[in-house]
Amino acid sequence: MGCAHEAATVWFSGVRDALMLHQCIFFLAKSEVIRFRTLQCFMLNGVIFLGSILLFNFAIDPALGFLQRLVQEDLAWGAGFISVIFPILYKVLWIYPIYCISFVLNTVMYQEVADSALALALHKPLKVTPPLERLVNETFRVLLYFVYIVEMILLYYIPVVGPSIYFIHSCWLASIYCFEYRWAHQHWASSVRLEHFEQHWLYFAGFGFPVSFVSFLCPQFIDAGVFALLFPLCILTATTAEPRALKRAPTTLQRLPLFCVVQGASCKMLRIFEGRLTGPVRS
């Protein structure tokens, strides 16, 4: 009973820290960069991207349907053709380009929000990481998360329990994205980040739950816009969050090896890639 209570407390502490939105007010009040970039994220993701999708769903698409019903029979083929081709052109020429552009711009804006918030909260001098070490860490990190996402997609297709497992992994992935800026600012190596995450796995499941739950309630593409809209606030709350670990739980639960398969696959892929690069030199 005590173990279950501790587990619930740790999980709820993650949810609570993710929802500490009053912390965001401090950062917004202190930093002009955070205010400006947060407003830009709202305009890009909330007004332009989500607004374009909602405009089509609730205005353009009903208008095309009304036009098709309104025209005479001899023009029905033309109205039908427009109602089929226009949604395709609208998505290809407007929605998808905005999605790609917003993905690139969001990356830049999120980094500036995180840098400004961490400079305000942590007050730690910036250490310079050697270029080669930074390249190795970043390459391994990108590969690791790529394999993790592939694993999530495969888990989704497990009968009955697949969607639930996928959602839990989505909560963890959201937490990784939120805390990644903080760990990079502290110059943690990839192995240190993964060990820390596995020791606080239940907390991070709770921290990523709110934004993942809101995104899962939304239809496709809208969920991406909602996540991108809320993500700056998640970065700010992660800046001051204090992850908690299970202390009284069984040893097997105090550290959950979430990334054992992902790490093994990533390391093998790196070794294969390294072998191909060094093979001609050795021969």
Protein backbone atom coordinates (compact mmCIF):
# COMPACT_ATOMS: atom_id res chain seq x y z
CA MET A 1 0.00 0.00 0.00
CA GLY A 2 2.83 2.37 0.85
CA CYS A 3 4.55 1.59 -2.45
CA ALA A 4 1.37 2.35 -4.41
CA HIS A 5 0.94 5.62 -2.53
CA GLU A 6 4.52 6.63 -3.28
CA ALA A 7 4.07 5.76 -6.96
CA ALA A 8 0.90 7.87 -7.17
CA THR A 9 2.65 10.74 -5.39
CA VAL A 10 5.61 10.68 -7.77
CA TRP A 11 3.37 10.54 -10.84
CA PHE A 12 1.15 13.37 -9.59
CA SER A 13 4.22 15.45 -8.77
CA GLY A 14 5.18 15.21 -12.45
CA VAL A 15 1.69 16.27 -13.53
CA ARG A 16 1.73 19.10 -10.99
CA ASP A 17 5.10 20.42 -12.15
CA ALA A 18 3.94 20.35 -15.77
CA LEU A 19 0.90 22.45 -14.84
CA MET A 20 2.81 25.05 -12.78
CA LEU A 21 1.91 27.70 -15.31
CA HIS A 22 2.45 30.52 -12.84
CA GLN A 23 6.16 29.80 -13.27
CA CYS A 24 5.74 30.87 -16.88
CA ILE A 25 4.56 34.30 -15.73
CA PHE A 26 7.91 34.87 -14.00
CA PHE A 27 9.86 34.09 -17.18
CA LEU A 28 7.51 36.08 -19.40
CA ALA A 29 7.82 39.09 -17.10
CA LYS A 30 11.61 38.89 -16.83
CA SER A 31 12.64 38.22 -20.44
CA GLU A 32 11.68 40.13 -23.56
CA VAL A 33 13.07 37.30 -25.70
CA ILE A 34 10.74 34.78 -24.05
CA ARG A 35 7.76 37.10 -24.47
CA PHE A 36 8.51 37.77 -28.11
CA ARG A 37 9.24 34.15 -29.07
CA THR A 38 6.19 32.85 -27.19
CA LEU A 39 4.01 35.35 -29.04
CA GLN A 40 5.57 34.26 -32.33
CA CYS A 41 4.84 30.61 -31.49
CA PHE A 42 1.24 31.53 -30.75
CA MET A 43 0.85 33.41 -34.04
CA LEU A 44 2.59 30.77 -36.15
CA ASN A 45 1.06 27.65 -34.62
CA GLY A 46 -2.20 28.96 -33.21
CA VAL A 47 -3.32 31.59 -35.71
CA ILE A 48 -1.70 30.61 -39.02
CA PHE A 49 -1.38 26.81 -38.84
CA LEU A 50 -4.38 25.85 -36.69
CA GLY A 51 -6.39 28.74 -38.09
CA SER A 52 -5.84 27.48 -41.65
CA ILE A 53 -7.01 23.98 -40.72
CA LEU A 54 -10.07 25.25 -38.86
CA LEU A 55 -10.89 27.65 -41.72
CA PHE A 56 -11.00 24.75 -44.15
CA ASN A 57 -12.91 22.39 -41.84
CA PHE A 58 -15.58 24.85 -40.74
CA ALA A 59 -15.84 27.33 -43.64
CA ILE A 60 -14.34 26.23 -46.96
CA ASP A 61 -15.38 22.56 -46.88
CA PRO A 62 -19.03 23.31 -45.92
CA ALA A 63 -19.13 26.03 -48.59
CA LEU A 64 -17.95 23.57 -51.25
CA GLY A 65 -20.60 21.08 -50.16
CA PHE A 66 -23.28 23.77 -50.30
CA LEU A 67 -22.09 24.82 -53.80
CA GLN A 68 -22.28 21.25 -55.03
CA ARG A 69 -25.86 20.94 -53.84
CA LEU A 70 -26.81 24.36 -55.20
CA VAL A 71 -25.74 24.13 -58.84
CA GLN A 72 -27.88 22.66 -61.56
CA GLU A 73 -27.44 19.12 -62.78
CA ASP A 74 -25.52 20.12 -65.94
CA LEU A 75 -22.91 21.86 -63.78
CA ALA A 76 -22.80 19.27 -61.04
CA TRP A 77 -19.72 17.60 -62.52
CA GLY A 78 -17.80 20.89 -62.33
CA ALA A 79 -18.81 21.48 -58.73
CA GLY A 80 -17.92 17.89 -57.89
CA PHE A 81 -14.51 18.30 -59.53
CA ILE A 82 -13.83 21.48 -57.55
CA SER A 83 -14.93 19.86 -54.28
CA VAL A 84 -12.44 17.04 -54.90
CA ILE A 85 -9.43 18.93 -56.28
CA PHE A 86 -9.59 22.05 -54.08
CA PRO A 87 -9.01 20.23 -50.72
CA ILE A 88 -5.99 18.48 -52.25
CA LEU A 89 -4.51 21.73 -53.56
CA TYR A 90 -5.26 23.51 -50.29
CA LYS A 91 -3.34 20.92 -48.30
CA VAL A 92 -0.46 20.50 -50.76
CA LEU A 93 0.06 24.19 -51.49
CA TRP A 94 -0.80 25.68 -48.09
CA ILE A 95 -1.17 23.32 -45.10
CA TYR A 96 1.86 21.09 -45.73
CA PRO A 97 4.26 23.97 -46.55
CA ILE A 98 3.15 25.81 -43.39
CA TYR A 99 3.69 22.63 -41.39
CA CYS A 100 7.26 22.27 -42.72
CA ILE A 101 8.09 25.94 -42.26
CA SER A 102 6.64 26.01 -38.75
CA PHE A 103 8.68 22.92 -37.83
CA VAL A 104 11.92 24.71 -38.73
CA LEU A 105 10.95 28.04 -37.15
CA ASN A 106 9.67 26.34 -34.00
CA THR A 107 13.03 24.66 -33.51
CA VAL A 108 14.78 28.03 -33.52
CA MET A 109 12.22 29.73 -31.29
CA TYR A 110 12.12 26.89 -28.76
CA GLN A 111 15.90 27.01 -28.42
CA GLU A 112 15.87 30.75 -27.72
CA VAL A 113 13.06 30.36 -25.17
CA ALA A 114 14.97 27.58 -23.42
CA ASP A 115 18.30 29.44 -23.43
CA SER A 116 16.74 32.58 -21.95
CA ALA A 117 14.77 30.66 -19.30
CA LEU A 118 17.78 28.57 -18.25
CA ALA A 119 19.97 31.65 -18.02
CA LEU A 120 17.42 33.20 -15.65
CA ALA A 121 16.79 30.09 -13.55
CA LEU A 122 20.07 28.23 -13.22
CA HIS A 123 22.67 31.01 -13.20
CA LYS A 124 25.38 28.57 -14.23
CA PRO A 125 28.38 29.57 -16.33
CA LEU A 126 28.37 28.11 -19.81
CA LYS A 127 30.94 25.36 -20.28
CA VAL A 128 32.33 24.84 -23.75
CA THR A 129 32.06 21.24 -24.96
CA PRO A 130 34.78 20.01 -27.35
CA PRO A 131 33.40 19.93 -30.93
CA LEU A 132 34.08 16.21 -31.46
CA GLU A 133 32.41 15.23 -28.17
CA ARG A 134 29.42 17.43 -28.98
CA LEU A 135 29.12 15.88 -32.46
CA VAL A 136 29.22 12.34 -31.07
CA ASN A 137 26.64 13.15 -28.38
CA GLU A 138 24.27 14.87 -30.80
CA THR A 139 24.56 12.11 -33.41
CA PHE A 140 23.82 9.45 -30.83
CA ARG A 141 20.94 11.48 -29.38
CA VAL A 142 19.23 11.97 -32.74
CA LEU A 143 19.68 8.31 -33.64
CA LEU A 144 18.43 7.22 -30.23
CA TYR A 145 15.21 9.21 -30.46
CA PHE A 146 14.65 8.07 -34.04
CA VAL A 147 14.81 4.43 -32.97
CA TYR A 148 12.59 5.23 -29.96
CA ILE A 149 9.90 6.71 -32.23
CA VAL A 150 10.07 3.66 -34.51
CA GLU A 151 9.66 1.47 -31.44
CA MET A 152 6.62 3.50 -30.37
CA ILE A 153 4.98 3.04 -33.77
CA LEU A 154 5.57 -0.72 -33.65
CA LEU A 155 4.18 -0.95 -30.11
CA TYR A 156 0.97 0.74 -31.25
CA TYR A 157 0.05 -2.32 -33.33
CA ILE A 158 0.14 -4.74 -30.41
CA PRO A 159 -3.42 -6.10 -30.07
CA VAL A 160 -5.60 -4.61 -27.32
CA VAL A 161 -2.85 -2.94 -25.24
CA GLY A 162 -0.93 -1.33 -28.12
CA PRO A 163 -2.60 2.12 -28.07
CA SER A 164 -2.22 2.40 -24.28
CA ILE A 165 1.49 1.51 -24.42
CA TYR A 166 1.92 3.98 -27.27
CA PHE A 167 0.31 6.75 -25.21
CA ILE A 168 2.59 6.08 -22.22
CA HIS A 169 5.63 6.23 -24.48
CA SER A 170 4.29 9.48 -25.93
CA CYS A 171 4.22 10.94 -22.41
CA TRP A 172 7.85 9.94 -21.94
CA LEU A 173 8.82 11.35 -25.32
CA ALA A 174 7.13 14.68 -24.51
CA SER A 175 9.09 14.85 -21.24
CA ILE A 176 12.34 14.12 -23.06
CA TYR A 177 11.67 16.97 -25.46
CA CYS A 178 10.87 19.33 -22.58
CA PHE A 179 13.93 18.49 -20.45
CA GLU A 180 16.37 18.06 -23.33
CA TYR A 181 17.20 21.78 -23.36
CA ARG A 182 17.98 21.76 -19.65
CA TRP A 183 20.22 18.71 -19.90
CA ALA A 184 22.04 20.15 -22.89
CA HIS A 185 22.58 23.40 -20.98
CA GLN A 186 24.10 21.39 -18.13
CA HIS A 187 26.26 19.49 -20.67
CA TRP A 188 25.07 16.06 -19.65
CA ALA A 189 26.25 13.26 -21.93
CA SER A 190 23.63 11.06 -23.58
CA SER A 191 24.33 8.19 -21.19
CA VAL A 192 23.85 10.46 -18.16
CA ARG A 193 20.55 11.77 -19.55
CA LEU A 194 19.20 8.28 -20.15
CA GLU A 195 20.24 7.05 -16.72
CA HIS A 196 18.59 10.06 -15.08
CA PHE A 197 15.43 9.50 -17.11
CA GLU A 198 15.23 5.80 -16.25
CA GLN A 199 15.68 6.57 -12.54
CA HIS A 200 12.78 9.08 -12.66
CA TRP A 201 10.62 7.25 -15.21
CA LEU A 202 7.36 7.55 -13.29
CA TYR A 203 7.81 11.28 -12.68
CA PHE A 204 8.46 11.89 -16.38
CA ALA A 205 5.39 9.83 -17.31
CA GLY A 206 3.39 12.28 -15.22
CA PHE A 207 5.14 15.39 -16.54
CA GLY A 208 4.43 14.50 -20.16
CA PHE A 209 0.85 13.44 -19.48
CA PRO A 210 -1.00 16.81 -19.74
CA VAL A 211 0.37 17.92 -23.13
CA SER A 212 0.15 14.37 -24.54
CA PHE A 213 -3.44 13.99 -23.34
CA VAL A 214 -4.51 17.29 -24.89
CA SER A 215 -2.80 16.37 -28.17
CA PHE A 216 -4.42 12.93 -28.24
CA LEU A 217 -7.88 14.51 -27.98
CA CYS A 218 -7.27 16.42 -31.23
CA PRO A 219 -7.60 15.12 -34.80
CA GLN A 220 -4.58 14.53 -37.02
CA PHE A 221 -2.53 17.62 -37.88
CA ILE A 222 -4.45 19.65 -35.30
CA ASP A 223 -2.67 17.63 -32.60
CA ALA A 224 0.71 18.72 -34.02
CA GLY A 225 -0.36 22.36 -33.96
CA VAL A 226 -1.69 22.12 -30.40
CA PHE A 227 1.52 20.46 -29.21
CA ALA A 228 3.66 23.12 -30.90
CA LEU A 229 1.47 25.85 -29.41
CA LEU A 230 1.80 24.53 -25.84
CA PHE A 231 5.41 23.43 -26.02
CA PRO A 232 7.03 26.80 -25.05
CA LEU A 233 5.10 26.67 -21.77
CA CYS A 234 6.29 23.08 -21.22
CA ILE A 235 9.90 24.21 -21.69
CA LEU A 236 9.44 26.92 -19.07
CA THR A 237 7.86 24.58 -16.51
CA ALA A 238 10.61 21.99 -17.10
CA THR A 239 13.23 24.64 -16.32
CA THR A 240 12.24 24.81 -12.64
CA ALA A 241 10.85 21.28 -12.21
CA GLU A 242 12.40 18.93 -9.65
CA PRO A 243 12.11 15.29 -10.79
CA ARG A 244 11.39 12.74 -8.06
CA ALA A 245 12.39 9.08 -8.00
CA LEU A 246 10.85 6.05 -6.33
CA LYS A 247 12.67 5.37 -3.04
CA ARG A 248 10.65 2.68 -1.27
CA ALA A 249 9.64 0.68 -4.32
CA PRO A 250 11.26 -2.65 -5.25
CA THR A 251 14.68 -2.35 -6.86
CA THR A 252 13.33 -3.43 -10.23
CA LEU A 253 10.99 -0.43 -10.27
CA GLN A 254 13.43 2.17 -8.98
CA ARG A 255 15.10 2.23 -12.37
CA LEU A 256 13.12 1.10 -15.41
CA PRO A 257 15.33 0.19 -18.40
CA LEU A 258 13.18 2.00 -20.95
CA PHE A 259 15.98 2.52 -23.43
CA CYS A 260 17.77 -0.84 -23.30
CA VAL A 261 16.39 -1.96 -26.68
CA VAL A 262 16.74 1.52 -28.17
CA GLN A 263 20.33 1.88 -26.93
CA GLY A 264 21.29 -1.55 -28.25
CA ALA A 265 19.82 -0.87 -31.68
CA SER A 266 21.35 2.62 -31.85
CA CYS A 267 24.82 1.40 -30.84
CA LYS A 268 24.67 -1.39 -33.41
CA MET A 269 23.66 1.05 -36.14
CA LEU A 270 26.52 3.36 -35.16
CA ARG A 271 29.00 0.48 -35.24
CA ILE A 272 27.80 -0.57 -38.70
CA PHE A 273 28.08 3.02 -39.93
CA GLU A 274 31.52 3.41 -38.37
CA GLY A 275 32.66 0.12 -39.93
CA ARG A 276 31.63 1.28 -43.38
CA LEU A 277 33.49 4.53 -42.93
CA THR A 278 36.70 2.97 -41.62
CA GLY A 279 36.58 -0.19 -43.76
CA PRO A 280 38.30 1.22 -46.86
CA VAL A 281 40.99 2.87 -44.72
CA ARG A 282 41.84 -0.38 -42.94
CA SER A 283 42.01 -2.35 -46.17
